[in-house]
Amino acid sequence: MNYSILIAEGIKSSDYADYDVMEFLSLKDLQKYRASHPEKMKYKYSYLLSSGIRQDGRHIGIVNADHFKKFVKRVKESGINI
């Protein structure tokens, strides 16, 4: 199965339509990105491990979290190797 990791990030008081969305194909790539771009207090984050896209265009969420460390922990606990 092909998995992808999606991150949405934006300023806490802004509209969700203004959030930036990024896609990573491995947990290692996400960890490298976070090492060089740490989370900031004024931003809100949403992490999602997706197993694909439904016919209506929405992602099929497997694991999600609002913080990087919690997301990594949940992905590892799920047993999914990405």
C-alpha atoms as a PDB file:
ATOM      1  CA  MET A   1       0.000   0.000   0.000  1.00  0.00           C
ATOM      2  CA  ASN A   2       1.245   3.503  -0.778  1.00  0.00           C
ATOM      3  CA  TYR A   3       1.197   5.880   2.154  1.00  0.00           C
ATOM      4  CA  SER A   4       1.878   9.594   2.289  1.00  0.00           C
ATOM      5  CA  ILE A   5       2.276  12.042   5.141  1.00  0.00           C
ATOM      6  CA  LEU A   6       0.502  15.374   4.928  1.00  0.00           C
ATOM      7  CA  ILE A   7       1.150  18.424   7.079  1.00  0.00           C
ATOM      8  CA  ALA A   8      -1.050  21.494   7.225  1.00  0.00           C
ATOM      9  CA  GLU A   9       0.413  24.496   9.033  1.00  0.00           C
ATOM     10  CA  GLY A  10      -0.729  28.046   9.528  1.00  0.00           C
ATOM     11  CA  ILE A  11      -0.962  30.902  11.977  1.00  0.00           C
ATOM     12  CA  LYS A  12      -3.378  30.011  14.796  1.00  0.00           C
ATOM     13  CA  SER A  13      -5.858  32.827  14.155  1.00  0.00           C
ATOM     14  CA  SER A  14      -5.903  32.446  10.354  1.00  0.00           C
ATOM     15  CA  ASP A  15      -8.487  30.698   8.206  1.00  0.00           C
ATOM     16  CA  TYR A  16      -7.794  27.040   7.354  1.00  0.00           C
ATOM     17  CA  ALA A  17      -7.914  27.949   3.649  1.00  0.00           C
ATOM     18  CA  ASP A  18      -4.729  29.978   4.222  1.00  0.00           C
ATOM     19  CA  TYR A  19      -2.760  27.042   5.673  1.00  0.00           C
ATOM     20  CA  ASP A  20       0.217  25.623   3.786  1.00  0.00           C
ATOM     21  CA  VAL A  21       0.061  21.903   3.012  1.00  0.00           C
ATOM     22  CA  MET A  22       3.113  19.716   2.419  1.00  0.00           C
ATOM     23  CA  GLU A  23       3.430  16.060   1.466  1.00  0.00           C
ATOM     24  CA  PHE A  24       6.187  13.635   2.471  1.00  0.00           C
ATOM     25  CA  LEU A  25       6.626  10.080   1.251  1.00  0.00           C
ATOM     26  CA  SER A  26       8.550   8.815   4.281  1.00  0.00           C
ATOM     27  CA  LEU A  27       8.762   9.442   8.005  1.00  0.00           C
ATOM     28  CA  LYS A  28      12.506   9.971   7.599  1.00  0.00           C
ATOM     29  CA  ASP A  29      11.899  12.840   5.132  1.00  0.00           C
ATOM     30  CA  LEU A  30       9.457  14.433   7.573  1.00  0.00           C
ATOM     31  CA  GLN A  31      11.961  14.113  10.428  1.00  0.00           C
ATOM     32  CA  LYS A  32      14.678  15.777   8.313  1.00  0.00           C
ATOM     33  CA  TYR A  33      12.294  18.612   7.473  1.00  0.00           C
ATOM     34  CA  ARG A  34      11.302  19.139  11.126  1.00  0.00           C
ATOM     35  CA  ALA A  35      14.963  19.113  12.199  1.00  0.00           C
ATOM     36  CA  SER A  36      15.604  22.117   9.951  1.00  0.00           C
ATOM     37  CA  HIS A  37      12.149  23.722  10.396  1.00  0.00           C
ATOM     38  CA  PRO A  38      10.948  23.217  14.007  1.00  0.00           C
ATOM     39  CA  GLU A  39       7.351  23.871  15.044  1.00  0.00           C
ATOM     40  CA  LYS A  40       6.646  27.435  16.192  1.00  0.00           C
ATOM     41  CA  MET A  41       4.333  28.484  19.023  1.00  0.00           C
ATOM     42  CA  LYS A  42       2.294  30.939  16.907  1.00  0.00           C
ATOM     43  CA  TYR A  43       1.458  28.236  14.347  1.00  0.00           C
ATOM     44  CA  LYS A  44      -1.074  25.429  14.425  1.00  0.00           C
ATOM     45  CA  TYR A  45      -0.199  22.069  12.859  1.00  0.00           C
ATOM     46  CA  SER A  46      -2.076  19.041  11.625  1.00  0.00           C
ATOM     47  CA  TYR A  47      -0.296  15.813  10.655  1.00  0.00           C
ATOM     48  CA  LEU A  48      -1.995  13.000   8.723  1.00  0.00           C
ATOM     49  CA  LEU A  49      -0.843   9.601   7.498  1.00  0.00           C
ATOM     50  CA  SER A  50      -2.932   8.878   4.416  1.00  0.00           C
ATOM     51  CA  SER A  51      -3.438   5.554   2.676  1.00  0.00           C
ATOM     52  CA  GLY A  52      -4.880   7.143  -0.460  1.00  0.00           C
ATOM     53  CA  ILE A  53      -7.670   9.321  -1.770  1.00  0.00           C
ATOM     54  CA  ARG A  54     -11.378   8.535  -1.931  1.00  0.00           C
ATOM     55  CA  GLN A  55     -13.497   9.218  -5.008  1.00  0.00           C
ATOM     56  CA  ASP A  56     -14.662  12.497  -3.455  1.00  0.00           C
ATOM     57  CA  GLY A  57     -11.035  13.726  -3.257  1.00  0.00           C
ATOM     58  CA  ARG A  58     -10.613  13.390   0.513  1.00  0.00           C
ATOM     59  CA  HIS A  59      -7.649  11.563   1.983  1.00  0.00           C
ATOM     60  CA  ILE A  60      -8.117   8.283   3.848  1.00  0.00           C
ATOM     61  CA  GLY A  61      -6.640   9.059   7.257  1.00  0.00           C
ATOM     62  CA  ILE A  62      -4.883   6.287   9.160  1.00  0.00           C
ATOM     63  CA  VAL A  63      -3.041   8.257  11.868  1.00  0.00           C
ATOM     64  CA  ASN A  64      -3.323  11.933  12.798  1.00  0.00           C
ATOM     65  CA  ALA A  65      -2.008  14.330  15.445  1.00  0.00           C
ATOM     66  CA  ASP A  66      -1.591  18.036  16.132  1.00  0.00           C
ATOM     67  CA  HIS A  67       2.081  17.854  17.132  1.00  0.00           C
ATOM     68  CA  PHE A  68       5.123  16.317  15.462  1.00  0.00           C
ATOM     69  CA  LYS A  69       6.361  14.123  18.332  1.00  0.00           C
ATOM     70  CA  LYS A  70       2.879  12.753  19.011  1.00  0.00           C
ATOM     71  CA  PHE A  71       2.431  11.984  15.305  1.00  0.00           C
ATOM     72  CA  VAL A  72       5.749  10.111  15.056  1.00  0.00           C
ATOM     73  CA  LYS A  73       4.865   8.098  18.170  1.00  0.00           C
ATOM     74  CA  ARG A  74       1.431   7.165  16.796  1.00  0.00           C
ATOM     75  CA  VAL A  75       2.841   6.124  13.413  1.00  0.00           C
ATOM     76  CA  LYS A  76       5.401   3.872  15.101  1.00  0.00           C
ATOM     77  CA  GLU A  77       2.712   2.402  17.393  1.00  0.00           C
ATOM     78  CA  SER A  78       0.521   1.635  14.368  1.00  0.00           C
ATOM     79  CA  GLY A  79       3.173  -0.734  13.027  1.00  0.00           C
ATOM     80  CA  ILE A  80       3.087   0.894   9.597  1.00  0.00           C
ATOM     81  CA  ASN A  81       6.536   1.197   8.066  1.00  0.00           C
ATOM     82  CA  ILE A  82       6.749   4.323   5.956  1.00  0.00           C
END
